[in-house]
Amino acid sequence: MALYDILRPLLFSLEAESAHRLTLYGLGVAQRSGFAHRFATVPADLPVRAFGIEFPNPVGLAAGLDKNAEHLDALNTLGFGFIEVGTVTPLPQPGNAKPRLFRLPAHEAIINRMGFNNDGVDVLVRNVQQSSYHGVLGINIGKNKDTPNDKAVNDYLTCLAKVHELASYVTVNISSPNTQGLRDLQEQATLHKFISILRAAQERLGSQHGKRKPMLLKIAPDLSGVELDAMAEVLLRTGIDGVICTNTTTDREAVAGDPRSGEAGGLSGKPLFERSTAVLAGLRQRLGERIPLIGVGGILDGSDAVEKLDAGASLVQLYSGLIYRGPHLVAECVNEIRRREAPADGV
């Protein structure tokens, strides 16, 4: 039995956000004490190249778990091929009122309405600089709650400039359901103008610093076929480097009847898997092989990770699955992908 399997009942007896903080604190203590190997077995490398970056393996940590990049060294002990931190905003903000994080154990699901709570981009930059982490680092950027949508691009430009030198890639998050009006930026005309401005800044920064950093867009799972058509057109016209499919869903059909189903916020975990994978597959169909995709949403075992790759992803990310399965999920996913890619006997 894995150590996390023993600890999980204790963690689940605590309020969800308190358990989150305690887990990260405990992992940090274990890392500094040399006992982090008790939590997870680091998988052997399984290199993959995407967005011009060489990843040691295709299984990453999704944004949201380490919003301020405070735990990079500890998280690096778990075997991730890459780590994405954030979402970070230009100015610090407390996020939404607590409680704002809820478990739905019967459905292996999470509902959160955190609201981009973070200490601001300057603190995140300082934390990255002070860490010993040298792996692939994604930094997920957003806008402050009080910034109106017609000025939102300025918040993203501020964050992009400040994180550019430290990030391996930058993710533009316009798909969280927990900042009012944020998803309106996904509308076709608005998105085209928004991404075009950011892409121009991306190229300028690449020239100034002598190294171009890939820019990814994180999208919502609650998109119709018509909306996906429009989004794919914008992505191809603007030359975005990659897409993360997907953020959390506002739909509650899969958890109807659960005592927590009425909580506002984004739903993640197992009930998101089918919806997020359908959006992933739909976008892959529309884009062909021109833009790499990251599959995230509802991965709770190795076969789920493989299904994301079969649907068109080059890489996958975990978050809610770690809460229900623990850190050994990372190696399980890597090893299942390894088996998928191994040549058949006799070939």
Protein backbone atom coordinates (compact mmCIF):
# COMPACT_ATOMS: atom_id res chain seq x y z
CA MET A 1 0.00 0.00 0.00
CA ALA A 2 1.35 3.43 -0.99
CA LEU A 3 1.98 5.96 1.78
CA TYR A 4 -0.66 8.30 0.35
CA ASP A 5 -3.29 5.56 0.63
CA ILE A 6 -2.64 5.52 4.36
CA LEU A 7 -2.69 9.31 4.69
CA ARG A 8 -5.71 9.98 2.49
CA PRO A 9 -8.43 9.22 5.12
CA LEU A 10 -6.77 11.74 7.45
CA LEU A 11 -6.53 14.38 4.72
CA PHE A 12 -10.14 13.78 3.65
CA SER A 13 -11.26 14.33 7.24
CA LEU A 14 -10.00 17.90 6.98
CA GLU A 15 -11.59 20.81 5.14
CA ALA A 16 -10.39 20.58 1.52
CA GLU A 17 -8.31 23.76 1.33
CA SER A 18 -6.68 23.02 4.70
CA ALA A 19 -5.79 19.52 3.47
CA HIS A 20 -4.29 21.06 0.33
CA ARG A 21 -2.00 23.31 2.36
CA LEU A 22 -1.05 20.51 4.75
CA THR A 23 -0.17 18.16 1.89
CA LEU A 24 2.14 20.68 0.26
CA TYR A 25 3.74 21.52 3.61
CA GLY A 26 4.30 17.81 4.34
CA LEU A 27 5.77 17.21 0.90
CA GLY A 28 8.15 20.10 1.44
CA VAL A 29 9.28 18.71 4.78
CA ALA A 30 9.81 15.29 3.19
CA GLN A 31 11.82 16.80 0.35
CA ARG A 32 14.07 18.79 2.66
CA SER A 33 14.54 15.77 4.93
CA GLY A 34 15.37 13.38 2.10
CA PHE A 35 12.23 11.27 2.52
CA ALA A 36 10.31 12.38 -0.56
CA HIS A 37 10.92 8.99 -2.21
CA ARG A 38 8.40 7.57 0.26
CA PHE A 39 5.61 9.42 -1.53
CA ALA A 40 6.29 8.41 -5.13
CA THR A 41 8.53 6.37 -7.41
CA VAL A 42 10.08 8.55 -10.09
CA PRO A 43 9.52 6.94 -13.50
CA ALA A 44 12.31 6.37 -16.00
CA ASP A 45 12.50 9.02 -18.70
CA LEU A 46 10.15 8.82 -21.66
CA PRO A 47 11.21 11.85 -23.72
CA VAL A 48 8.77 13.71 -25.94
CA ARG A 49 9.23 16.91 -27.92
CA ALA A 50 6.46 19.51 -28.27
CA PHE A 51 6.35 23.30 -28.78
CA GLY A 52 10.09 23.13 -29.45
CA ILE A 53 10.71 21.85 -25.90
CA GLU A 54 12.19 18.50 -24.89
CA PHE A 55 10.10 17.02 -22.04
CA PRO A 56 11.64 14.18 -19.97
CA ASN A 57 8.23 12.52 -19.90
CA PRO A 58 4.75 13.51 -21.13
CA VAL A 59 3.00 13.72 -17.73
CA GLY A 60 2.86 17.16 -16.13
CA LEU A 61 1.29 18.95 -13.21
CA ALA A 62 -1.60 21.24 -14.13
CA ALA A 63 -1.78 24.83 -12.96
CA GLY A 64 -3.71 25.59 -9.79
CA LEU A 65 -1.97 23.33 -7.30
CA ASP A 66 1.03 25.62 -6.79
CA LYS A 67 -0.29 29.08 -7.60
CA ASN A 68 2.73 31.02 -6.32
CA ALA A 69 5.52 28.60 -7.31
CA GLU A 70 6.29 28.05 -3.64
CA HIS A 71 6.71 24.27 -3.86
CA LEU A 72 8.69 23.62 -7.04
CA ASP A 73 11.52 21.72 -5.39
CA ALA A 74 9.14 19.45 -3.48
CA LEU A 75 6.88 18.80 -6.48
CA ASN A 76 9.92 17.98 -8.59
CA THR A 77 10.48 14.86 -6.45
CA LEU A 78 7.25 13.27 -7.74
CA GLY A 79 8.44 12.48 -11.26
CA PHE A 80 6.56 15.03 -13.36
CA GLY A 81 7.90 15.68 -16.84
CA PHE A 82 6.94 19.31 -16.42
CA ILE A 83 5.30 21.57 -13.85
CA GLU A 84 2.89 24.41 -14.51
CA VAL A 85 2.42 27.04 -11.81
CA GLY A 86 -0.18 29.82 -11.41
CA THR A 87 -2.60 31.16 -12.35
CA VAL A 88 -0.79 34.38 -11.45
CA THR A 89 -2.11 37.93 -11.85
CA PRO A 90 -0.27 41.28 -11.94
CA LEU A 91 -1.41 42.27 -8.45
CA PRO A 92 -2.00 40.05 -5.41
CA GLN A 93 -5.61 39.13 -4.75
CA PRO A 94 -7.29 36.97 -2.08
CA GLY A 95 -9.67 35.15 -4.41
CA ASN A 96 -13.24 34.30 -3.55
CA ALA A 97 -14.63 33.91 -0.05
CA LYS A 98 -14.07 30.63 1.77
CA PRO A 99 -15.12 27.86 1.68
CA ARG A 100 -14.29 27.61 -2.01
CA LEU A 101 -12.94 24.08 -2.52
CA PHE A 102 -15.14 20.98 -2.19
CA ARG A 103 -14.67 17.24 -2.63
CA LEU A 104 -17.33 14.99 -4.13
CA PRO A 105 -15.84 11.60 -3.19
CA ALA A 106 -18.68 9.50 -4.59
CA HIS A 107 -17.83 10.93 -8.01
CA GLU A 108 -14.05 11.31 -7.54
CA ALA A 109 -14.59 14.98 -8.30
CA ILE A 110 -13.68 18.45 -7.06
CA ILE A 111 -15.55 21.74 -7.28
CA ASN A 112 -13.51 24.89 -6.84
CA ARG A 113 -14.27 28.60 -6.99
CA MET A 114 -10.86 29.80 -5.86
CA GLY A 115 -10.94 32.93 -8.03
CA PHE A 116 -7.26 33.30 -9.01
CA ASN A 117 -6.09 33.69 -5.41
CA ASN A 118 -2.35 34.42 -5.58
CA ASP A 119 0.38 36.68 -4.21
CA GLY A 120 0.99 38.51 -7.49
CA VAL A 121 3.44 38.01 -10.31
CA ASP A 122 6.43 39.63 -8.55
CA VAL A 123 6.22 37.11 -5.71
CA LEU A 124 5.93 34.19 -8.13
CA VAL A 125 8.99 35.39 -10.04
CA ARG A 126 10.98 35.66 -6.81
CA ASN A 127 9.90 32.16 -5.75
CA VAL A 128 11.00 30.66 -9.07
CA GLN A 129 14.34 32.45 -8.86
CA GLN A 130 14.93 31.14 -5.34
CA SER A 131 14.05 27.53 -6.17
CA SER A 132 16.47 24.85 -7.35
CA TYR A 133 14.08 23.61 -10.04
CA HIS A 134 15.60 23.43 -13.53
CA GLY A 135 12.99 21.32 -15.30
CA VAL A 136 10.36 22.36 -17.82
CA LEU A 137 8.32 25.14 -16.22
CA GLY A 138 5.00 26.46 -17.47
CA ILE A 139 3.70 29.71 -15.98
CA ASN A 140 -0.04 30.27 -16.23
CA ILE A 141 -1.13 33.92 -16.40
CA GLY A 142 -4.47 35.65 -15.88
CA LYS A 143 -6.11 38.96 -15.13
CA ASN A 144 -7.04 40.58 -11.85
CA LYS A 145 -10.68 40.32 -10.85
CA ASP A 146 -11.23 44.09 -10.96
CA THR A 147 -9.71 44.55 -14.42
CA PRO A 148 -12.51 44.97 -17.00
CA ASN A 149 -12.40 42.76 -20.08
CA ASP A 150 -11.70 45.67 -22.41
CA LYS A 151 -8.43 46.22 -20.52
CA ALA A 152 -7.70 42.56 -19.70
CA VAL A 153 -4.98 42.22 -22.32
CA ASN A 154 -2.87 44.73 -20.34
CA ASP A 155 -2.82 42.38 -17.34
CA TYR A 156 -1.69 39.50 -19.54
CA LEU A 157 0.98 41.67 -21.17
CA THR A 158 2.30 42.66 -17.73
CA CYS A 159 2.55 39.05 -16.58
CA LEU A 160 3.99 37.86 -19.89
CA ALA A 161 6.83 40.37 -19.73
CA LYS A 162 7.65 39.54 -16.11
CA VAL A 163 7.67 35.74 -16.44
CA HIS A 164 9.11 35.44 -19.95
CA GLU A 165 12.72 34.92 -18.97
CA LEU A 166 11.95 32.24 -16.34
CA ALA A 167 9.23 30.25 -18.10
CA SER A 168 9.80 27.36 -20.49
CA TYR A 169 6.35 28.21 -21.85
CA VAL A 170 3.56 30.61 -20.87
CA THR A 171 -0.11 29.61 -20.66
CA VAL A 172 -2.80 32.23 -21.24
CA ASN A 173 -5.78 31.34 -19.06
CA ILE A 174 -9.07 32.79 -20.29
CA SER A 175 -11.18 29.79 -19.35
CA SER A 176 -11.56 29.77 -15.58
CA PRO A 177 -15.26 29.96 -14.64
CA ASN A 178 -14.39 31.64 -11.34
CA THR A 179 -13.52 35.13 -12.59
CA GLN A 180 -16.69 36.81 -13.78
CA GLY A 181 -16.78 37.40 -17.54
CA LEU A 182 -13.39 35.80 -18.21
CA ARG A 183 -14.75 33.20 -20.62
CA ASP A 184 -16.22 35.99 -22.75
CA LEU A 185 -12.66 36.48 -24.04
CA GLN A 186 -13.10 33.18 -25.93
CA GLU A 187 -15.60 34.82 -28.34
CA GLN A 188 -14.12 34.72 -31.86
CA ALA A 189 -13.54 38.41 -32.68
CA THR A 190 -12.44 39.23 -29.13
CA LEU A 191 -10.12 36.20 -29.02
CA HIS A 192 -8.49 37.04 -32.35
CA LYS A 193 -7.62 40.58 -31.29
CA PHE A 194 -6.55 39.42 -27.81
CA ILE A 195 -4.24 36.65 -29.02
CA SER A 196 -2.82 38.77 -31.82
CA ILE A 197 -1.70 41.42 -29.32
CA LEU A 198 -0.14 38.80 -27.04
CA ARG A 199 1.56 37.04 -29.95
CA ALA A 200 3.17 40.30 -31.07
CA ALA A 201 4.46 40.85 -27.53
CA GLN A 202 5.69 37.26 -27.40
CA GLU A 203 7.79 37.77 -30.54
CA ARG A 204 9.17 41.11 -29.30
CA LEU A 205 10.20 39.55 -26.00
CA GLY A 206 11.79 36.64 -27.81
CA SER A 207 13.90 39.04 -29.87
CA GLN A 208 14.85 41.13 -26.86
CA HIS A 209 15.90 38.14 -24.74
CA GLY A 210 17.40 36.09 -27.56
CA LYS A 211 15.04 33.17 -26.96
CA ARG A 212 11.47 32.69 -28.05
CA LYS A 213 9.15 31.13 -25.46
CA PRO A 214 6.07 29.16 -26.60
CA MET A 215 2.63 30.57 -25.79
CA LEU A 216 -0.27 28.21 -25.04
CA LEU A 217 -3.97 28.91 -24.60
CA LYS A 218 -6.06 27.09 -21.97
CA ILE A 219 -9.65 26.64 -23.10
CA ALA A 220 -12.95 25.66 -21.50
CA PRO A 221 -14.68 22.29 -21.95
CA ASP A 222 -18.07 23.97 -22.32
CA LEU A 223 -17.72 24.80 -26.01
CA SER A 224 -20.16 23.84 -28.76
CA GLY A 225 -19.07 22.51 -32.13
CA VAL A 226 -19.69 25.92 -33.69
CA GLU A 227 -17.57 27.59 -31.01
CA LEU A 228 -14.78 25.07 -31.58
CA ASP A 229 -14.90 25.81 -35.32
CA ALA A 230 -14.45 29.51 -34.61
CA MET A 231 -11.72 28.93 -32.04
CA ALA A 232 -9.75 26.64 -34.33
CA GLU A 233 -9.83 29.30 -37.04
CA VAL A 234 -8.45 31.90 -34.63
CA LEU A 235 -5.75 29.56 -33.32
CA LEU A 236 -4.51 28.81 -36.82
CA ARG A 237 -4.62 32.43 -37.98
CA THR A 238 -2.77 33.77 -34.94
CA GLY A 239 -0.15 31.01 -34.86
CA ILE A 240 -0.56 30.03 -31.22
CA ASP A 241 2.04 27.43 -30.17
CA GLY A 242 -0.25 25.07 -28.31
CA VAL A 243 -3.55 24.55 -26.53
CA ILE A 244 -4.43 23.03 -23.16
CA CYS A 245 -7.72 21.11 -23.31
CA THR A 246 -9.34 21.81 -20.86
CA ASN A 247 -10.18 23.84 -17.78
CA THR A 248 -13.03 22.89 -15.42
CA THR A 249 -16.70 22.66 -16.39
CA THR A 250 -19.75 24.49 -15.09
CA ASP A 251 -22.03 21.59 -16.11
CA ARG A 252 -23.40 19.50 -13.23
CA GLU A 253 -25.23 16.73 -15.08
CA ALA A 254 -22.61 14.12 -14.20
CA VAL A 255 -22.89 14.84 -10.46
CA ALA A 256 -26.60 15.53 -10.21
CA GLY A 257 -27.92 14.50 -6.80
CA ASP A 258 -24.61 14.91 -4.99
CA PRO A 259 -24.99 17.07 -1.85
CA ARG A 260 -22.24 19.36 -3.17
CA SER A 261 -23.47 19.57 -6.76
CA GLY A 262 -25.09 22.96 -6.16
CA GLU A 263 -21.82 24.63 -5.17
CA ALA A 264 -20.77 27.34 -7.61
CA GLY A 265 -17.45 26.91 -9.38
CA GLY A 266 -15.65 24.65 -11.81
CA LEU A 267 -16.06 20.87 -11.67
CA SER A 268 -12.98 18.70 -12.21
CA GLY A 269 -12.05 15.07 -11.70
CA LYS A 270 -13.62 11.95 -13.16
CA PRO A 271 -16.90 13.58 -14.34
CA LEU A 272 -14.88 15.97 -16.52
CA PHE A 273 -13.02 13.25 -18.41
CA GLU A 274 -15.50 12.53 -21.18
CA ARG A 275 -16.32 16.18 -21.87
CA SER A 276 -12.71 17.40 -21.85
CA THR A 277 -11.57 14.50 -24.03
CA ALA A 278 -14.34 15.23 -26.55
CA VAL A 279 -13.16 18.86 -26.82
CA LEU A 280 -9.59 17.66 -27.20
CA ALA A 281 -10.54 15.26 -29.99
CA GLY A 282 -12.73 17.88 -31.65
CA LEU A 283 -9.95 20.44 -31.67
CA ARG A 284 -7.44 17.91 -32.97
CA GLN A 285 -9.81 17.10 -35.83
CA ARG A 286 -10.11 20.79 -36.70
CA LEU A 287 -6.42 21.64 -36.35
CA GLY A 288 -4.88 18.56 -37.89
CA GLU A 289 -1.32 18.14 -36.65
CA ARG A 290 -0.45 21.82 -36.90
CA ILE A 291 -0.75 22.76 -33.20
CA PRO A 292 0.27 20.47 -30.29
CA LEU A 293 -2.33 19.88 -27.58
CA ILE A 294 -2.10 19.06 -23.86
CA GLY A 295 -4.89 16.87 -22.49
CA VAL A 296 -6.08 17.56 -18.96
CA GLY A 297 -9.29 16.75 -17.14
CA GLY A 298 -10.34 13.65 -15.24
CA ILE A 299 -7.20 11.52 -15.52
CA LEU A 300 -7.44 9.06 -12.63
CA ASP A 301 -5.39 6.14 -13.96
CA GLY A 302 -2.89 5.27 -16.65
CA SER A 303 -5.49 4.23 -19.18
CA ASP A 304 -7.08 7.69 -18.95
CA ALA A 305 -3.73 9.25 -19.87
CA VAL A 306 -3.42 6.93 -22.85
CA GLU A 307 -6.93 7.83 -23.98
CA LYS A 308 -5.99 11.51 -23.98
CA LEU A 309 -3.03 10.74 -26.24
CA ASP A 310 -5.21 8.63 -28.50
CA ALA A 311 -7.61 11.60 -28.76
CA GLY A 312 -4.79 13.80 -30.05
CA ALA A 313 -2.75 15.07 -27.10
CA SER A 314 1.04 15.20 -27.14
CA LEU A 315 1.22 15.65 -23.36
CA VAL A 316 -1.12 15.30 -20.39
CA GLN A 317 -1.52 17.05 -17.05
CA LEU A 318 -2.82 15.89 -13.67
CA TYR A 319 -4.44 17.65 -10.72
CA SER A 320 -7.67 16.25 -9.26
CA GLY A 321 -6.47 12.69 -9.87
CA LEU A 322 -3.58 13.35 -7.51
CA ILE A 323 -6.05 14.15 -4.74
CA TYR A 324 -7.90 10.86 -5.18
CA ARG A 325 -5.04 8.59 -6.23
CA GLY A 326 -1.93 10.23 -4.82
CA PRO A 327 1.52 10.91 -6.30
CA HIS A 328 2.02 7.37 -7.59
CA LEU A 329 -0.45 8.30 -10.33
CA VAL A 330 2.40 10.12 -12.11
CA ALA A 331 4.53 7.01 -12.63
CA GLU A 332 1.44 4.92 -13.42
CA CYS A 333 0.55 7.27 -16.27
CA VAL A 334 4.11 7.44 -17.61
CA ASN A 335 4.45 3.66 -17.56
CA GLU A 336 1.09 3.10 -19.23
CA ILE A 337 2.08 5.53 -22.00
CA ARG A 338 5.39 3.70 -22.30
CA ARG A 339 3.53 0.44 -22.89
CA ARG A 340 1.35 2.15 -25.49
CA GLU A 341 4.40 3.28 -27.41
CA ALA A 342 6.41 0.06 -27.10
CA PRO A 343 6.65 -1.89 -30.37
CA ALA A 344 4.64 -5.09 -30.56
CA ASP A 345 6.49 -8.39 -30.09
CA GLY A 346 8.28 -9.45 -33.21
CA VAL A 347 8.17 -6.03 -34.86
